[in-house]
Amino acid sequence: MRHGRRDGFREFAAGRSGHLYRSACLLASGDTHLAEDLVQETLGRMYLHWGRISRIDNPAAYAQTVLVRAFLTHQRRRSAGERPVGEFPDSGAPPAAAGGADPELRLTLLEALGRLAPKDRAVLVLRYWEDRSVEETADAMNASSAAVRTRTSRALARLREQLGGSLTAFADL
């Protein structure tokens, strides 16, 4: 019984860790070390309760919820005042999206995401990167649907304000 549980978790972790890492990189504003820590913490929590989690209809969505909550918990800690350096390491950037995304645009967006409040960043990542519904996002963030809609609207406005005209420079490419 234990051997089957372990193999099931290994299969799950191997299949989801890349996706979790990409989401964690967005949440952590490109801080790859924090992203790795968040994924490790998420998978550790998932393993502890794997017997119960494997009976959930969508363990992948549950893993994303655990990841977001781990990120928000990290942001509340005292040591979360540390900020990543202004330059991103060449090898530490998240993989480019399909279609050959512009790395300069990706770095600009990561920098802008990094200036948002943690909950604003989390709601944008869940809604637009993870393509979750308002209700799923509300569940992941322990908030009401109305709060998610309001936070999403305000976070998008802040992101647009930060990017200002810099986004139009990329639109002509």
C-alpha atoms as a PDB file:
ATOM      1  CA  MET A   1       0.000   0.000   0.000  1.00  0.00           C
ATOM      2  CA  ARG A   2       2.728   2.489   0.915  1.00  0.00           C
ATOM      3  CA  HIS A   3       4.739   1.635  -2.184  1.00  0.00           C
ATOM      4  CA  GLY A   4       1.756   2.421  -4.428  1.00  0.00           C
ATOM      5  CA  ARG A   5       1.175   5.703  -2.594  1.00  0.00           C
ATOM      6  CA  ARG A   6       4.798   6.688  -3.073  1.00  0.00           C
ATOM      7  CA  ASP A   7       4.767   5.815  -6.770  1.00  0.00           C
ATOM      8  CA  GLY A   8       1.527   7.724  -7.294  1.00  0.00           C
ATOM      9  CA  PHE A   9       3.007  10.799  -5.661  1.00  0.00           C
ATOM     10  CA  ARG A  10       6.244  10.531  -7.654  1.00  0.00           C
ATOM     11  CA  GLU A  11       4.240  10.392 -10.873  1.00  0.00           C
ATOM     12  CA  PHE A  12       2.161  13.385  -9.811  1.00  0.00           C
ATOM     13  CA  ALA A  13       5.208  15.411  -8.737  1.00  0.00           C
ATOM     14  CA  ALA A  14       7.110  14.646 -11.939  1.00  0.00           C
ATOM     15  CA  GLY A  15       4.149  15.660 -14.054  1.00  0.00           C
ATOM     16  CA  ARG A  16       3.263  18.881 -12.190  1.00  0.00           C
ATOM     17  CA  SER A  17       6.557  20.277 -10.889  1.00  0.00           C
ATOM     18  CA  GLY A  18       7.379  22.187 -14.095  1.00  0.00           C
ATOM     19  CA  HIS A  19       3.984  23.853 -14.154  1.00  0.00           C
ATOM     20  CA  LEU A  20       4.198  24.650 -10.446  1.00  0.00           C
ATOM     21  CA  TYR A  21       7.660  26.142 -10.958  1.00  0.00           C
ATOM     22  CA  ARG A  22       6.496  28.429 -13.772  1.00  0.00           C
ATOM     23  CA  SER A  23       3.608  29.659 -11.634  1.00  0.00           C
ATOM     24  CA  ALA A  24       5.908  30.128  -8.649  1.00  0.00           C
ATOM     25  CA  CYS A  25       8.323  32.176 -10.784  1.00  0.00           C
ATOM     26  CA  LEU A  26       5.495  34.527 -11.682  1.00  0.00           C
ATOM     27  CA  LEU A  27       4.334  34.777  -8.093  1.00  0.00           C
ATOM     28  CA  ALA A  28       7.900  35.418  -6.923  1.00  0.00           C
ATOM     29  CA  SER A  29       8.487  38.034  -9.651  1.00  0.00           C
ATOM     30  CA  GLY A  30      11.292  36.076 -11.237  1.00  0.00           C
ATOM     31  CA  ASP A  31      13.059  35.126  -8.002  1.00  0.00           C
ATOM     32  CA  THR A  32      13.946  31.591  -9.049  1.00  0.00           C
ATOM     33  CA  HIS A  33      15.323  30.622  -5.651  1.00  0.00           C
ATOM     34  CA  LEU A  34      12.095  31.560  -3.915  1.00  0.00           C
ATOM     35  CA  ALA A  35      10.144  29.793  -6.671  1.00  0.00           C
ATOM     36  CA  GLU A  36      12.100  26.583  -6.045  1.00  0.00           C
ATOM     37  CA  ASP A  37      11.460  26.884  -2.307  1.00  0.00           C
ATOM     38  CA  LEU A  38       7.743  27.403  -2.877  1.00  0.00           C
ATOM     39  CA  VAL A  39       7.507  24.354  -5.156  1.00  0.00           C
ATOM     40  CA  GLN A  40       9.451  22.261  -2.659  1.00  0.00           C
ATOM     41  CA  GLU A  41       7.171  23.378   0.171  1.00  0.00           C
ATOM     42  CA  THR A  42       4.085  22.683  -1.950  1.00  0.00           C
ATOM     43  CA  LEU A  43       5.204  19.187  -2.880  1.00  0.00           C
ATOM     44  CA  GLY A  44       6.169  18.484   0.735  1.00  0.00           C
ATOM     45  CA  ARG A  45       2.729  19.472   1.966  1.00  0.00           C
ATOM     46  CA  MET A  46       1.101  17.448  -0.809  1.00  0.00           C
ATOM     47  CA  TYR A  47       3.111  14.339   0.112  1.00  0.00           C
ATOM     48  CA  LEU A  48       2.169  14.546   3.781  1.00  0.00           C
ATOM     49  CA  HIS A  49      -1.507  14.302   2.903  1.00  0.00           C
ATOM     50  CA  TRP A  50      -1.254  12.371  -0.353  1.00  0.00           C
ATOM     51  CA  GLY A  51      -3.590   9.576   0.759  1.00  0.00           C
ATOM     52  CA  ARG A  52      -6.427  12.068   1.137  1.00  0.00           C
ATOM     53  CA  ILE A  53      -5.413  14.352  -1.733  1.00  0.00           C
ATOM     54  CA  SER A  54      -5.313  11.585  -4.315  1.00  0.00           C
ATOM     55  CA  ARG A  55      -9.064  11.157  -3.775  1.00  0.00           C
ATOM     56  CA  ILE A  56      -9.702  14.796  -4.699  1.00  0.00           C
ATOM     57  CA  ASP A  57     -11.200  15.313  -8.154  1.00  0.00           C
ATOM     58  CA  ASN A  58      -8.413  17.637  -9.310  1.00  0.00           C
ATOM     59  CA  PRO A  59      -5.122  17.251  -7.368  1.00  0.00           C
ATOM     60  CA  ALA A  60      -3.380  19.611  -9.822  1.00  0.00           C
ATOM     61  CA  ALA A  61      -5.727  22.477  -8.939  1.00  0.00           C
ATOM     62  CA  TYR A  62      -5.273  21.659  -5.262  1.00  0.00           C
ATOM     63  CA  ALA A  63      -1.490  21.855  -5.731  1.00  0.00           C
ATOM     64  CA  GLN A  64      -1.867  25.325  -7.265  1.00  0.00           C
ATOM     65  CA  THR A  65      -3.952  26.362  -4.260  1.00  0.00           C
ATOM     66  CA  VAL A  66      -1.278  25.067  -1.889  1.00  0.00           C
ATOM     67  CA  LEU A  67       1.368  26.952  -3.902  1.00  0.00           C
ATOM     68  CA  VAL A  68      -0.526  30.261  -3.738  1.00  0.00           C
ATOM     69  CA  ARG A  69      -1.162  29.883  -0.030  1.00  0.00           C
ATOM     70  CA  ALA A  70       2.511  29.051   0.582  1.00  0.00           C
ATOM     71  CA  PHE A  71       3.461  32.192  -1.352  1.00  0.00           C
ATOM     72  CA  LEU A  72       1.040  34.395   0.595  1.00  0.00           C
ATOM     73  CA  THR A  73       2.278  32.920   3.883  1.00  0.00           C
ATOM     74  CA  HIS A  74       5.856  33.641   2.851  1.00  0.00           C
ATOM     75  CA  GLN A  75       4.935  37.251   2.081  1.00  0.00           C
ATOM     76  CA  ARG A  76       3.478  37.711   5.556  1.00  0.00           C
ATOM     77  CA  ARG A  77       6.656  36.588   7.258  1.00  0.00           C
ATOM     78  CA  ARG A  78       9.064  39.155   8.546  1.00  0.00           C
ATOM     79  CA  SER A  79      11.880  38.025   6.256  1.00  0.00           C
ATOM     80  CA  ALA A  80       9.685  38.589   3.201  1.00  0.00           C
ATOM     81  CA  GLY A  81      10.942  42.189   3.080  1.00  0.00           C
ATOM     82  CA  GLU A  82      13.899  41.003   1.049  1.00  0.00           C
ATOM     83  CA  ARG A  83      13.696  41.867  -2.621  1.00  0.00           C
ATOM     84  CA  PRO A  84      15.428  40.236  -5.557  1.00  0.00           C
ATOM     85  CA  VAL A  85      18.207  42.150  -7.264  1.00  0.00           C
ATOM     86  CA  GLY A  86      17.440  44.417 -10.184  1.00  0.00           C
ATOM     87  CA  GLU A  87      19.046  42.134 -12.751  1.00  0.00           C
ATOM     88  CA  PHE A  88      17.736  38.679 -13.511  1.00  0.00           C
ATOM     89  CA  PRO A  89      20.245  35.866 -13.992  1.00  0.00           C
ATOM     90  CA  ASP A  90      20.510  34.649 -17.578  1.00  0.00           C
ATOM     91  CA  SER A  91      19.950  30.989 -16.760  1.00  0.00           C
ATOM     92  CA  GLY A  92      17.323  31.566 -14.077  1.00  0.00           C
ATOM     93  CA  ALA A  93      14.596  33.085 -16.213  1.00  0.00           C
ATOM     94  CA  PRO A  94      11.448  30.989 -16.623  1.00  0.00           C
ATOM     95  CA  PRO A  95      11.186  29.153 -19.936  1.00  0.00           C
ATOM     96  CA  ALA A  96       9.799  31.147 -22.841  1.00  0.00           C
ATOM     97  CA  ALA A  97       6.184  30.574 -23.700  1.00  0.00           C
ATOM     98  CA  ALA A  98       5.240  28.874 -26.927  1.00  0.00           C
ATOM     99  CA  GLY A  99       5.570  31.058 -29.978  1.00  0.00           C
ATOM    100  CA  GLY A 100       8.959  32.567 -29.041  1.00  0.00           C
ATOM    101  CA  ALA A 101       7.871  35.200 -26.530  1.00  0.00           C
ATOM    102  CA  ASP A 102      10.013  38.302 -26.328  1.00  0.00           C
ATOM    103  CA  PRO A 103      12.380  38.002 -23.336  1.00  0.00           C
ATOM    104  CA  GLU A 104      12.493  41.791 -22.896  1.00  0.00           C
ATOM    105  CA  LEU A 105       8.711  41.920 -22.630  1.00  0.00           C
ATOM    106  CA  ARG A 106       8.714  39.012 -20.177  1.00  0.00           C
ATOM    107  CA  LEU A 107      11.276  40.762 -17.956  1.00  0.00           C
ATOM    108  CA  THR A 108       9.293  43.998 -18.093  1.00  0.00           C
ATOM    109  CA  LEU A 109       6.144  42.165 -17.033  1.00  0.00           C
ATOM    110  CA  LEU A 110       7.961  40.272 -14.261  1.00  0.00           C
ATOM    111  CA  GLU A 111       9.389  43.524 -12.939  1.00  0.00           C
ATOM    112  CA  ALA A 112       5.945  45.151 -12.989  1.00  0.00           C
ATOM    113  CA  LEU A 113       4.395  42.118 -11.263  1.00  0.00           C
ATOM    114  CA  GLY A 114       7.116  42.348  -8.624  1.00  0.00           C
ATOM    115  CA  ARG A 115       6.044  45.869  -7.723  1.00  0.00           C
ATOM    116  CA  LEU A 116       2.462  44.759  -7.037  1.00  0.00           C
ATOM    117  CA  ALA A 117       1.279  43.717  -3.597  1.00  0.00           C
ATOM    118  CA  PRO A 118       1.516  39.940  -3.053  1.00  0.00           C
ATOM    119  CA  LYS A 119      -2.258  39.392  -3.116  1.00  0.00           C
ATOM    120  CA  ASP A 120      -2.583  41.474  -6.293  1.00  0.00           C
ATOM    121  CA  ARG A 121       0.163  39.420  -7.906  1.00  0.00           C
ATOM    122  CA  ALA A 122      -1.457  36.174  -6.769  1.00  0.00           C
ATOM    123  CA  VAL A 123      -4.879  37.116  -8.150  1.00  0.00           C
ATOM    124  CA  LEU A 124      -3.423  38.058 -11.540  1.00  0.00           C
ATOM    125  CA  VAL A 125      -1.348  34.884 -11.780  1.00  0.00           C
ATOM    126  CA  LEU A 126      -4.325  32.701 -10.867  1.00  0.00           C
ATOM    127  CA  ARG A 127      -6.808  34.467 -13.127  1.00  0.00           C
ATOM    128  CA  TYR A 128      -4.685  35.095 -16.216  1.00  0.00           C
ATOM    129  CA  TRP A 129      -1.699  32.735 -16.083  1.00  0.00           C
ATOM    130  CA  GLU A 130      -3.516  29.763 -14.577  1.00  0.00           C
ATOM    131  CA  ASP A 131      -6.778  30.687 -16.340  1.00  0.00           C
ATOM    132  CA  ARG A 132      -8.850  30.018 -13.231  1.00  0.00           C
ATOM    133  CA  SER A 133     -12.387  31.188 -12.735  1.00  0.00           C
ATOM    134  CA  VAL A 134     -13.284  33.840 -10.185  1.00  0.00           C
ATOM    135  CA  GLU A 135     -14.710  31.168  -7.888  1.00  0.00           C
ATOM    136  CA  GLU A 136     -11.599  28.955  -8.117  1.00  0.00           C
ATOM    137  CA  THR A 137      -9.386  31.954  -7.439  1.00  0.00           C
ATOM    138  CA  ALA A 138     -11.540  32.947  -4.469  1.00  0.00           C
ATOM    139  CA  ASP A 139     -11.232  29.438  -3.060  1.00  0.00           C
ATOM    140  CA  ALA A 140      -7.459  29.407  -3.498  1.00  0.00           C
ATOM    141  CA  MET A 141      -7.078  32.777  -1.803  1.00  0.00           C
ATOM    142  CA  ASN A 142      -9.665  32.253   0.967  1.00  0.00           C
ATOM    143  CA  ALA A 143     -11.639  35.241  -0.265  1.00  0.00           C
ATOM    144  CA  SER A 144     -15.093  35.956  -1.619  1.00  0.00           C
ATOM    145  CA  SER A 145     -15.815  36.097  -5.348  1.00  0.00           C
ATOM    146  CA  ALA A 146     -16.624  39.796  -5.043  1.00  0.00           C
ATOM    147  CA  ALA A 147     -13.263  40.435  -3.359  1.00  0.00           C
ATOM    148  CA  VAL A 148     -11.459  38.600  -6.177  1.00  0.00           C
ATOM    149  CA  ARG A 149     -13.270  40.623  -8.857  1.00  0.00           C
ATOM    150  CA  THR A 150     -12.453  43.876  -7.065  1.00  0.00           C
ATOM    151  CA  ARG A 151      -8.821  42.922  -6.452  1.00  0.00           C
ATOM    152  CA  THR A 152      -8.414  41.791 -10.071  1.00  0.00           C
ATOM    153  CA  SER A 153      -9.768  45.063 -11.399  1.00  0.00           C
ATOM    154  CA  ARG A 154      -7.565  47.148  -9.124  1.00  0.00           C
ATOM    155  CA  ALA A 155      -4.469  45.003  -9.741  1.00  0.00           C
ATOM    156  CA  LEU A 156      -4.898  45.320 -13.506  1.00  0.00           C
ATOM    157  CA  ALA A 157      -5.269  49.087 -13.139  1.00  0.00           C
ATOM    158  CA  ARG A 158      -2.065  49.231 -11.066  1.00  0.00           C
ATOM    159  CA  LEU A 159      -0.245  47.067 -13.594  1.00  0.00           C
ATOM    160  CA  ARG A 160      -1.376  49.289 -16.487  1.00  0.00           C
ATOM    161  CA  GLU A 161      -0.342  52.359 -14.512  1.00  0.00           C
ATOM    162  CA  GLN A 162       3.130  50.912 -13.877  1.00  0.00           C
ATOM    163  CA  LEU A 163       3.651  49.835 -17.461  1.00  0.00           C
ATOM    164  CA  GLY A 164       2.286  53.073 -18.871  1.00  0.00           C
ATOM    165  CA  GLY A 165       3.643  53.651 -22.360  1.00  0.00           C
ATOM    166  CA  SER A 166       6.351  50.993 -22.058  1.00  0.00           C
ATOM    167  CA  LEU A 167       3.916  48.339 -23.255  1.00  0.00           C
ATOM    168  CA  THR A 168       3.210  50.206 -26.497  1.00  0.00           C
ATOM    169  CA  ALA A 169       6.886  49.924 -27.407  1.00  0.00           C
ATOM    170  CA  PHE A 170       6.443  46.133 -27.511  1.00  0.00           C
ATOM    171  CA  ALA A 171       3.168  46.242 -29.441  1.00  0.00           C
ATOM    172  CA  ASP A 172       4.890  47.223 -32.699  1.00  0.00           C
ATOM    173  CA  LEU A 173       7.155  44.159 -32.667  1.00  0.00           C
END
